[in-house]
C-alpha atoms as a PDB file:
ATOM      1  CA  MET A   1     144.996  73.829 148.170  1.00  0.00           C
ATOM      2  CA  ILE A   2     144.554  75.806 151.525  1.00  0.00           C
ATOM      3  CA  LYS A   3     146.418  74.403 154.427  1.00  0.00           C
ATOM      4  CA  VAL A   4     146.840  74.890 158.036  1.00  0.00           C
ATOM      5  CA  ASN A   5     147.974  78.196 159.014  1.00  0.00           C
ATOM      6  CA  ASP A   6     146.653  79.881 155.889  1.00  0.00           C
ATOM      7  CA  THR A   7     144.052  82.599 156.005  1.00  0.00           C
ATOM      8  CA  ILE A   8     140.746  81.966 154.433  1.00  0.00           C
ATOM      9  CA  PRO A   9     140.472  83.663 151.162  1.00  0.00           C
ATOM     10  CA  ALA A  10     138.087  86.474 150.378  1.00  0.00           C
ATOM     11  CA  GLY A  11     134.701  85.484 148.906  1.00  0.00           C
ATOM     12  CA  THR A  12     130.989  85.610 149.200  1.00  0.00           C
ATOM     13  CA  LEU A  13     128.685  82.975 150.329  1.00  0.00           C
ATOM     14  CA  GLN A  14     124.780  83.026 150.240  1.00  0.00           C
ATOM     15  CA  GLN A  15     122.237  81.980 152.930  1.00  0.00           C
ATOM     16  CA  LEU A  16     118.584  82.167 152.817  1.00  0.00           C
ATOM     17  CA  THR A  17     117.061  83.091 155.893  1.00  0.00           C
ATOM     18  CA  ALA A  18     113.516  84.366 157.001  1.00  0.00           C
ATOM     19  CA  SER A  19     114.571  87.832 156.229  1.00  0.00           C
ATOM     20  CA  GLY A  20     115.528  87.008 152.718  1.00  0.00           C
ATOM     21  CA  MET A  21     118.788  86.223 150.932  1.00  0.00           C
ATOM     22  CA  GLU A  22     121.955  87.234 152.896  1.00  0.00           C
ATOM     23  CA  ASN A  23     125.628  87.397 151.401  1.00  0.00           C
ATOM     24  CA  HIS A  24     128.253  86.662 153.763  1.00  0.00           C
ATOM     25  CA  ASN A  25     131.857  88.218 153.039  1.00  0.00           C
ATOM     26  CA  SER A  26     134.246  85.651 154.329  1.00  0.00           C
ATOM     27  CA  ASP A  27     136.514  88.251 156.118  1.00  0.00           C
ATOM     28  CA  GLU A  28     133.473  89.185 158.201  1.00  0.00           C
ATOM     29  CA  LEU A  29     132.079  85.770 158.510  1.00  0.00           C
ATOM     30  CA  PHE A  30     135.204  84.357 160.214  1.00  0.00           C
ATOM     31  CA  ALA A  31     136.533  87.397 162.066  1.00  0.00           C
ATOM     32  CA  ASN A  32     137.013  87.057 165.819  1.00  0.00           C
ATOM     33  CA  LYS A  33     135.323  83.736 165.867  1.00  0.00           C
ATOM     34  CA  LYS A  34     136.062  79.973 166.101  1.00  0.00           C
ATOM     35  CA  THR A  35     134.369  78.295 163.426  1.00  0.00           C
ATOM     36  CA  VAL A  36     133.943  74.664 162.156  1.00  0.00           C
ATOM     37  CA  MET A  37     133.282  74.558 158.639  1.00  0.00           C
ATOM     38  CA  PHE A  38     132.447  71.435 156.643  1.00  0.00           C
ATOM     39  CA  ALA A  39     131.620  70.954 153.155  1.00  0.00           C
ATOM     40  CA  VAL A  40     129.773  68.260 151.223  1.00  0.00           C
ATOM     41  CA  PRO A  41     129.703  67.438 147.547  1.00  0.00           C
ATOM     42  CA  GLY A  42     125.830  67.825 147.408  1.00  0.00           C
ATOM     43  CA  ALA A  43     122.844  68.491 149.427  1.00  0.00           C
ATOM     44  CA  PHE A  44     120.415  65.774 149.713  1.00  0.00           C
ATOM     45  CA  THR A  45     122.884  63.257 148.581  1.00  0.00           C
ATOM     46  CA  PRO A  46     123.217  59.790 150.615  1.00  0.00           C
ATOM     47  CA  THR A  47     126.294  60.176 152.795  1.00  0.00           C
ATOM     48  CA  CYS A  48     125.806  63.854 153.180  1.00  0.00           C
ATOM     49  CA  SER A  49     122.222  63.450 154.333  1.00  0.00           C
ATOM     50  CA  VAL A  50     122.594  60.234 156.373  1.00  0.00           C
ATOM     51  CA  SER A  51     125.869  60.803 158.039  1.00  0.00           C
ATOM     52  CA  HIS A  52     127.665  64.010 157.368  1.00  0.00           C
ATOM     53  CA  LEU A  53     125.221  66.713 158.178  1.00  0.00           C
ATOM     54  CA  PRO A  54     123.382  64.815 160.933  1.00  0.00           C
ATOM     55  CA  GLY A  55     126.705  64.463 162.982  1.00  0.00           C
ATOM     56  CA  TYR A  56     126.987  68.026 163.214  1.00  0.00           C
ATOM     57  CA  VAL A  57     123.328  68.599 163.926  1.00  0.00           C
ATOM     58  CA  VAL A  58     123.407  66.077 166.862  1.00  0.00           C
ATOM     59  CA  ASN A  59     126.723  67.195 168.378  1.00  0.00           C
ATOM     60  CA  PHE A  60     126.059  71.131 168.230  1.00  0.00           C
ATOM     61  CA  ASP A  61     126.147  71.302 171.975  1.00  0.00           C
ATOM     62  CA  ALA A  62     129.375  69.435 172.128  1.00  0.00           C
ATOM     63  CA  PHE A  63     131.011  71.966 169.680  1.00  0.00           C
ATOM     64  CA  LYS A  64     129.714  74.858 171.705  1.00  0.00           C
ATOM     65  CA  ALA A  65     130.911  73.434 174.957  1.00  0.00           C
ATOM     66  CA  LYS A  66     134.480  73.350 173.267  1.00  0.00           C
ATOM     67  CA  GLY A  67     134.398  77.072 172.287  1.00  0.00           C
ATOM     68  CA  VAL A  68     133.065  76.924 168.773  1.00  0.00           C
ATOM     69  CA  ASP A  69     131.008  80.014 167.908  1.00  0.00           C
ATOM     70  CA  GLN A  70     129.586  78.743 164.628  1.00  0.00           C
ATOM     71  CA  ILE A  71     129.323  75.668 162.492  1.00  0.00           C
ATOM     72  CA  ILE A  72     128.918  76.108 158.785  1.00  0.00           C
ATOM     73  CA  CYS A  73     127.800  73.587 156.282  1.00  0.00           C
ATOM     74  CA  LEU A  74     128.998  74.419 152.767  1.00  0.00           C
ATOM     75  CA  SER A  75     128.180  73.265 149.410  1.00  0.00           C
ATOM     76  CA  VAL A  76     128.329  74.024 145.718  1.00  0.00           C
ATOM     77  CA  ASN A  77     124.544  74.375 145.706  1.00  0.00           C
ATOM     78  CA  ASP A  78     122.160  77.290 145.456  1.00  0.00           C
ATOM     79  CA  ALA A  79     120.979  79.042 148.873  1.00  0.00           C
ATOM     80  CA  PHE A  80     117.373  77.753 148.206  1.00  0.00           C
ATOM     81  CA  VAL A  81     118.525  74.113 148.138  1.00  0.00           C
ATOM     82  CA  MET A  82     120.715  74.667 151.145  1.00  0.00           C
ATOM     83  CA  GLU A  83     117.820  76.139 153.174  1.00  0.00           C
ATOM     84  CA  ALA A  84     115.444  73.259 152.192  1.00  0.00           C
ATOM     85  CA  TRP A  85     118.108  70.713 153.101  1.00  0.00           C
ATOM     86  CA  GLY A  86     118.639  72.445 156.385  1.00  0.00           C
ATOM     87  CA  ASN A  87     114.925  72.401 157.179  1.00  0.00           C
ATOM     88  CA  ALA A  88     114.711  68.865 156.290  1.00  0.00           C
ATOM     89  CA  GLN A  89     117.636  67.873 158.432  1.00  0.00           C
ATOM     90  CA  ASN A  90     116.692  69.991 161.513  1.00  0.00           C
ATOM     91  CA  ALA A  91     119.780  71.957 161.230  1.00  0.00           C
ATOM     92  CA  GLU A  92     118.582  75.321 162.513  1.00  0.00           C
ATOM     93  CA  HIS A  93     121.782  76.042 164.658  1.00  0.00           C
ATOM     94  CA  LEU A  94     124.056  75.491 161.705  1.00  0.00           C
ATOM     95  CA  MET A  95     124.664  78.132 158.920  1.00  0.00           C
ATOM     96  CA  MET A  96     123.670  76.300 155.631  1.00  0.00           C
ATOM     97  CA  LEU A  97     125.728  78.327 153.422  1.00  0.00           C
ATOM     98  CA  ALA A  98     125.746  78.149 149.290  1.00  0.00           C
ATOM     99  CA  ASP A  99     128.753  78.641 147.072  1.00  0.00           C
ATOM    100  CA  GLY A 100     126.422  78.715 144.147  1.00  0.00           C
ATOM    101  CA  ASP A 101     129.012  79.159 141.329  1.00  0.00           C
ATOM    102  CA  GLY A 102     131.955  77.325 143.330  1.00  0.00           C
ATOM    103  CA  SER A 103     134.223  80.355 143.191  1.00  0.00           C
ATOM    104  CA  PHE A 104     134.895  80.174 146.862  1.00  0.00           C
ATOM    105  CA  THR A 105     135.547  76.414 146.817  1.00  0.00           C
ATOM    106  CA  LYS A 106     137.944  76.958 143.903  1.00  0.00           C
ATOM    107  CA  SER A 107     139.739  79.714 145.919  1.00  0.00           C
ATOM    108  CA  LEU A 108     140.229  77.091 148.656  1.00  0.00           C
ATOM    109  CA  GLY A 109     141.568  74.571 146.129  1.00  0.00           C
ATOM    110  CA  LEU A 110     139.193  71.955 147.374  1.00  0.00           C
ATOM    111  CA  THR A 111     136.882  71.508 144.099  1.00  0.00           C
ATOM    112  CA  MET A 112     136.277  68.167 142.258  1.00  0.00           C
ATOM    113  CA  ASP A 113     134.705  67.447 139.014  1.00  0.00           C
ATOM    114  CA  THR A 114     131.908  64.852 139.202  1.00  0.00           C
ATOM    115  CA  ALA A 115     131.276  64.952 135.549  1.00  0.00           C
ATOM    116  CA  SER A 116     127.705  64.225 134.433  1.00  0.00           C
ATOM    117  CA  PHE A 117     126.589  63.625 138.184  1.00  0.00           C
ATOM    118  CA  GLY A 118     126.786  67.296 138.972  1.00  0.00           C
ATOM    119  CA  GLY A 119     129.959  69.012 137.446  1.00  0.00           C
ATOM    120  CA  LEU A 120     131.953  71.100 139.650  1.00  0.00           C
ATOM    121  CA  ARG A 121     131.502  70.125 143.457  1.00  0.00           C
ATOM    122  CA  SER A 122     133.369  70.531 146.604  1.00  0.00           C
ATOM    123  CA  GLN A 123     135.613  67.863 148.103  1.00  0.00           C
ATOM    124  CA  ARG A 124     134.305  66.480 151.465  1.00  0.00           C
ATOM    125  CA  TYR A 125     136.285  68.018 154.127  1.00  0.00           C
ATOM    126  CA  ALA A 126     136.042  69.829 157.458  1.00  0.00           C
ATOM    127  CA  MET A 127     138.221  72.678 158.885  1.00  0.00           C
ATOM    128  CA  VAL A 128     138.516  74.509 162.185  1.00  0.00           C
ATOM    129  CA  ILE A 129     138.967  78.284 161.566  1.00  0.00           C
ATOM    130  CA  GLU A 130     140.115  80.764 164.386  1.00  0.00           C
ATOM    131  CA  ASN A 131     139.780  84.473 163.480  1.00  0.00           C
ATOM    132  CA  GLY A 132     140.059  83.634 159.704  1.00  0.00           C
ATOM    133  CA  VAL A 133     143.131  81.278 160.013  1.00  0.00           C
ATOM    134  CA  VAL A 134     142.832  77.521 159.407  1.00  0.00           C
ATOM    135  CA  THR A 135     143.963  75.504 162.414  1.00  0.00           C
ATOM    136  CA  HIS A 136     142.827  72.085 161.440  1.00  0.00           C
ATOM    137  CA  LEU A 137     142.036  70.723 157.983  1.00  0.00           C
ATOM    138  CA  HIS A 138     140.661  67.396 157.274  1.00  0.00           C
ATOM    139  CA  VAL A 139     140.049  66.577 153.650  1.00  0.00           C
ATOM    140  CA  GLU A 140     138.555  63.131 152.649  1.00  0.00           C
ATOM    141  CA  ALA A 141     139.966  60.883 150.167  1.00  0.00           C
ATOM    142  CA  PRO A 142     137.637  60.072 147.222  1.00  0.00           C
ATOM    143  CA  LYS A 143     134.623  58.220 148.169  1.00  0.00           C
ATOM    144  CA  GLU A 144     135.741  58.053 151.839  1.00  0.00           C
ATOM    145  CA  PHE A 145     134.040  59.335 154.959  1.00  0.00           C
ATOM    146  CA  GLU A 146     136.170  59.223 158.049  1.00  0.00           C
ATOM    147  CA  VAL A 147     138.358  62.357 158.879  1.00  0.00           C
ATOM    148  CA  SER A 148     135.627  65.021 158.304  1.00  0.00           C
ATOM    149  CA  THR A 149     133.080  63.751 160.675  1.00  0.00           C
ATOM    150  CA  ALA A 150     131.691  65.670 163.594  1.00  0.00           C
ATOM    151  CA  GLU A 151     133.343  63.142 165.952  1.00  0.00           C
ATOM    152  CA  SER A 152     136.705  63.534 164.345  1.00  0.00           C
ATOM    153  CA  ILE A 153     136.633  67.260 164.528  1.00  0.00           C
ATOM    154  CA  LEU A 154     135.444  67.067 168.177  1.00  0.00           C
ATOM    155  CA  ALA A 155     138.499  65.065 168.926  1.00  0.00           C
ATOM    156  CA  VAL A 156     140.927  67.859 167.723  1.00  0.00           C
ATOM    157  CA  LEU A 157     139.288  70.624 169.585  1.00  0.00           C
END
């Protein structure tokens, strides 16, 4: 599993925008930026939709005030689902990125198998990345939602 002081691995994440499908190379995505990236097991799922994503939407200005350049919400879903979920949650200031095949999540070592519920998904976590290097990593215990909240991450910035 990735840990503090590790460099984010190479990978490609997708985002559906008004201009069409964009592929983001992780090396470029995190270069020369302070990023908060949080991952959820699935778009439109209860904890993710009621608490996790909304916390980052509501606290967007507080993150910006602490020098965060971008906030990324990541899920092992497709870009169409991530875009629809972002629209439904008023997350226009966040990057709603898809890891459709889970390959980026695998390279982070943060996958989980939800079996018949959804198969390969991401663990719930949040991290701070500065110029491609992880400076804080908060991985939730199974079925928990405490350390990856927006408020928890704001507290370490």
